[in-house]
Amino acid sequence: MRKMMEKKRYTLDRIDDVFLEYPREEEELLIPVSKISPKLSEGDVVCISKTDTDYVIEVLEDETEIMKDKVATLLEKLKNKK
């Protein structure tokens, strides 16, 4: 029987396996790319729990969309400052 540990939310920082704890992004979690399923994109907000032997990753679509909208708004503001 797989023992499930506490779930935490992270943002995928780089597709090479670096997750930053969401929303503060102060703690990193490194997971080998070979253990990442489903297919993810940079900026995805996910919920990760660790079992004895693996990671369970769930994409949080609503949170991801909110974060991407915030980033797009900030980028637009920066473009308009020039």
N, C-alpha and C. Protein backbone atom coordinates (compact mmCIF):
# COMPACT_ATOMS: atom_id res chain seq x y z
N MET A 1 0.84 -1.19 0.00
CA MET A 1 0.00 0.00 0.00
C MET A 1 0.88 1.24 0.00
N ARG A 2 0.57 2.18 -0.90
CA ARG A 2 1.35 3.41 -1.00
C ARG A 2 0.90 4.40 0.06
N LYS A 3 1.85 4.92 0.78
CA LYS A 3 1.56 5.92 1.80
C LYS A 3 1.66 7.29 1.15
N MET A 4 0.58 8.09 1.23
CA MET A 4 0.54 9.40 0.62
C MET A 4 0.93 10.45 1.65
N MET A 5 1.84 11.32 1.27
CA MET A 5 2.25 12.40 2.16
C MET A 5 1.42 13.64 1.86
N GLU A 6 1.64 14.69 2.65
CA GLU A 6 0.91 15.94 2.51
C GLU A 6 1.01 16.51 1.10
N LYS A 7 -0.11 17.05 0.62
CA LYS A 7 -0.12 17.70 -0.69
C LYS A 7 0.31 19.15 -0.52
N LYS A 8 1.12 19.63 -1.46
CA LYS A 8 1.54 21.03 -1.48
C LYS A 8 1.36 21.57 -2.89
N ARG A 9 1.12 22.88 -2.97
CA ARG A 9 0.98 23.51 -4.28
C ARG A 9 2.32 24.12 -4.70
N TYR A 10 2.62 23.95 -6.00
CA TYR A 10 3.87 24.47 -6.57
C TYR A 10 3.58 25.07 -7.93
N THR A 11 4.50 25.93 -8.38
CA THR A 11 4.49 26.46 -9.73
C THR A 11 5.69 25.86 -10.45
N LEU A 12 5.48 25.35 -11.66
CA LEU A 12 6.61 24.82 -12.44
C LEU A 12 7.41 26.00 -12.95
N ASP A 13 8.64 26.12 -12.45
CA ASP A 13 9.50 27.24 -12.82
C ASP A 13 10.23 26.98 -14.13
N ARG A 14 10.84 25.83 -14.24
CA ARG A 14 11.54 25.46 -15.46
C ARG A 14 11.19 24.02 -15.77
N ILE A 15 11.07 23.73 -17.05
CA ILE A 15 10.65 22.40 -17.46
C ILE A 15 11.72 21.35 -17.14
N ASP A 16 12.90 21.77 -16.70
CA ASP A 16 13.93 20.79 -16.35
C ASP A 16 13.81 20.31 -14.91
N ASP A 17 12.65 20.38 -14.32
CA ASP A 17 12.32 19.73 -13.06
C ASP A 17 12.29 20.60 -11.82
N VAL A 18 12.25 21.90 -11.94
CA VAL A 18 12.24 22.78 -10.77
C VAL A 18 10.84 23.31 -10.51
N PHE A 19 10.33 22.99 -9.32
CA PHE A 19 9.03 23.51 -8.88
C PHE A 19 9.28 24.46 -7.73
N LEU A 20 8.56 25.58 -7.71
CA LEU A 20 8.64 26.55 -6.62
C LEU A 20 7.35 26.50 -5.83
N GLU A 21 7.45 26.46 -4.49
CA GLU A 21 6.25 26.39 -3.67
C GLU A 21 5.35 27.59 -3.97
N TYR A 22 4.08 27.34 -4.11
CA TYR A 22 3.08 28.35 -4.49
C TYR A 22 2.39 28.87 -3.24
N PRO A 23 2.16 30.14 -3.08
CA PRO A 23 2.45 31.25 -3.98
C PRO A 23 3.74 31.99 -3.65
N ARG A 24 4.39 31.70 -2.53
CA ARG A 24 5.56 32.49 -2.10
C ARG A 24 6.80 32.23 -2.94
N GLU A 25 6.91 31.06 -3.51
CA GLU A 25 8.04 30.68 -4.37
C GLU A 25 9.38 30.77 -3.66
N GLU A 26 9.40 30.46 -2.35
CA GLU A 26 10.63 30.49 -1.58
C GLU A 26 11.27 29.11 -1.46
N GLU A 27 10.50 28.06 -1.59
CA GLU A 27 11.00 26.69 -1.44
C GLU A 27 10.97 25.99 -2.79
N GLU A 28 12.07 25.31 -3.12
CA GLU A 28 12.15 24.56 -4.37
C GLU A 28 11.93 23.08 -4.13
N LEU A 29 11.36 22.43 -5.11
CA LEU A 29 11.23 20.98 -5.13
C LEU A 29 11.77 20.51 -6.47
N LEU A 30 12.76 19.65 -6.44
CA LEU A 30 13.36 19.14 -7.67
C LEU A 30 12.86 17.73 -7.92
N ILE A 31 12.26 17.53 -9.08
CA ILE A 31 11.74 16.22 -9.47
C ILE A 31 12.34 15.88 -10.83
N PRO A 32 12.94 14.71 -10.97
CA PRO A 32 13.48 14.33 -12.28
C PRO A 32 12.38 14.34 -13.35
N VAL A 33 12.74 14.83 -14.52
CA VAL A 33 11.77 14.92 -15.62
C VAL A 33 11.12 13.58 -15.89
N SER A 34 11.84 12.50 -15.72
CA SER A 34 11.30 11.16 -15.99
C SER A 34 10.16 10.81 -15.03
N LYS A 35 10.06 11.49 -13.91
CA LYS A 35 9.00 11.21 -12.92
C LYS A 35 7.82 12.17 -13.05
N ILE A 36 7.90 13.12 -14.00
CA ILE A 36 6.83 14.12 -14.14
C ILE A 36 5.80 13.62 -15.13
N SER A 37 4.58 13.48 -14.64
CA SER A 37 3.43 13.13 -15.45
C SER A 37 2.25 13.82 -14.80
N PRO A 38 1.41 14.47 -15.45
CA PRO A 38 1.18 14.63 -16.89
C PRO A 38 2.15 15.64 -17.51
N LYS A 39 2.00 15.87 -18.83
CA LYS A 39 2.82 16.86 -19.52
C LYS A 39 2.51 18.23 -18.95
N LEU A 40 3.55 18.96 -18.58
CA LEU A 40 3.38 20.27 -17.97
C LEU A 40 4.07 21.34 -18.78
N SER A 41 3.66 22.59 -18.55
CA SER A 41 4.30 23.75 -19.18
C SER A 41 4.80 24.68 -18.08
N GLU A 42 5.82 25.45 -18.39
CA GLU A 42 6.32 26.42 -17.42
C GLU A 42 5.18 27.34 -16.99
N GLY A 43 5.11 27.61 -15.69
CA GLY A 43 4.06 28.46 -15.16
C GLY A 43 2.84 27.71 -14.66
N ASP A 44 2.74 26.41 -14.95
CA ASP A 44 1.61 25.63 -14.46
C ASP A 44 1.64 25.58 -12.93
N VAL A 45 0.48 25.74 -12.32
CA VAL A 45 0.34 25.58 -10.88
C VAL A 45 -0.17 24.17 -10.66
N VAL A 46 0.52 23.43 -9.80
CA VAL A 46 0.20 22.03 -9.59
C VAL A 46 0.12 21.72 -8.10
N CYS A 47 -0.53 20.61 -7.80
CA CYS A 47 -0.57 20.06 -6.45
C CYS A 47 0.25 18.78 -6.50
N ILE A 48 1.25 18.69 -5.61
CA ILE A 48 2.15 17.54 -5.62
C ILE A 48 2.10 16.84 -4.27
N SER A 49 1.95 15.55 -4.33
CA SER A 49 2.08 14.73 -3.12
C SER A 49 3.08 13.63 -3.44
N LYS A 50 3.80 13.21 -2.44
CA LYS A 50 4.82 12.18 -2.63
C LYS A 50 4.36 10.90 -1.97
N THR A 51 4.49 9.81 -2.70
CA THR A 51 4.24 8.49 -2.12
C THR A 51 5.60 7.93 -1.71
N ASP A 52 5.62 6.71 -1.27
CA ASP A 52 6.89 6.09 -0.89
C ASP A 52 7.88 6.03 -2.06
N THR A 53 7.36 5.89 -3.26
CA THR A 53 8.25 5.67 -4.41
C THR A 53 8.08 6.65 -5.56
N ASP A 54 7.10 7.51 -5.49
CA ASP A 54 6.78 8.33 -6.66
C ASP A 54 6.16 9.66 -6.24
N TYR A 55 5.86 10.49 -7.23
CA TYR A 55 5.16 11.74 -7.02
C TYR A 55 3.83 11.69 -7.74
N VAL A 56 2.80 12.26 -7.13
CA VAL A 56 1.50 12.40 -7.78
C VAL A 56 1.33 13.88 -8.05
N ILE A 57 1.20 14.24 -9.33
CA ILE A 57 1.12 15.64 -9.74
C ILE A 57 -0.23 15.88 -10.40
N GLU A 58 -0.95 16.89 -9.89
CA GLU A 58 -2.25 17.27 -10.42
C GLU A 58 -2.19 18.74 -10.84
N VAL A 59 -2.53 19.02 -12.09
CA VAL A 59 -2.54 20.40 -12.58
C VAL A 59 -3.77 21.11 -12.03
N LEU A 60 -3.55 22.29 -11.45
CA LEU A 60 -4.64 23.12 -10.94
C LEU A 60 -4.95 24.16 -12.00
N GLU A 61 -5.89 23.83 -12.87
CA GLU A 61 -6.15 24.64 -14.06
C GLU A 61 -6.62 26.06 -13.72
N ASP A 62 -7.52 26.20 -12.74
CA ASP A 62 -8.01 27.54 -12.39
C ASP A 62 -6.90 28.44 -11.89
N GLU A 63 -6.07 27.92 -10.96
CA GLU A 63 -4.96 28.69 -10.42
C GLU A 63 -3.94 29.03 -11.49
N THR A 64 -3.70 28.08 -12.40
CA THR A 64 -2.76 28.33 -13.50
C THR A 64 -3.26 29.46 -14.39
N GLU A 65 -4.53 29.44 -14.71
CA GLU A 65 -5.09 30.49 -15.57
C GLU A 65 -5.01 31.86 -14.89
N ILE A 66 -5.31 31.91 -13.60
CA ILE A 66 -5.23 33.17 -12.85
C ILE A 66 -3.79 33.69 -12.86
N MET A 67 -2.83 32.81 -12.61
CA MET A 67 -1.42 33.22 -12.58
C MET A 67 -0.97 33.72 -13.95
N LYS A 68 -1.35 33.02 -15.01
CA LYS A 68 -0.95 33.44 -16.36
C LYS A 68 -1.57 34.78 -16.72
N ASP A 69 -2.81 35.03 -16.29
CA ASP A 69 -3.45 36.32 -16.53
C ASP A 69 -2.71 37.44 -15.80
N LYS A 70 -2.30 37.18 -14.56
CA LYS A 70 -1.54 38.18 -13.79
C LYS A 70 -0.22 38.51 -14.47
N VAL A 71 0.48 37.49 -14.93
CA VAL A 71 1.76 37.69 -15.60
C VAL A 71 1.56 38.48 -16.89
N ALA A 72 0.55 38.14 -17.67
CA ALA A 72 0.29 38.85 -18.92
C ALA A 72 -0.03 40.31 -18.65
N THR A 73 -0.81 40.59 -17.60
CA THR A 73 -1.14 41.97 -17.25
C THR A 73 0.11 42.74 -16.85
N LEU A 74 0.97 42.12 -16.05
CA LEU A 74 2.22 42.78 -15.65
C LEU A 74 3.12 43.06 -16.85
N LEU A 75 3.23 42.09 -17.75
CA LEU A 75 4.04 42.30 -18.95
C LEU A 75 3.49 43.44 -19.81
N GLU A 76 2.19 43.50 -19.93
CA GLU A 76 1.56 44.57 -20.72
C GLU A 76 1.85 45.94 -20.09
N LYS A 77 1.78 46.02 -18.76
CA LYS A 77 2.08 47.27 -18.07
C LYS A 77 3.53 47.69 -18.30
N LEU A 78 4.44 46.72 -18.25
CA LEU A 78 5.85 47.03 -18.50
C LEU A 78 6.08 47.51 -19.93
N LYS A 79 5.42 46.90 -20.90
CA LYS A 79 5.55 47.32 -22.30
C LYS A 79 5.07 48.75 -22.48
N ASN A 80 3.97 49.11 -21.80
CA ASN A 80 3.39 50.43 -21.96
C ASN A 80 4.17 51.52 -21.26
N LYS A 81 5.07 51.17 -20.36
CA LYS A 81 5.90 52.15 -19.67
C LYS A 81 6.97 52.73 -20.57
N LYS A 82 7.36 51.99 -21.59
CA LYS A 82 8.46 52.42 -22.47
C LYS A 82 8.04 53.51 -23.41
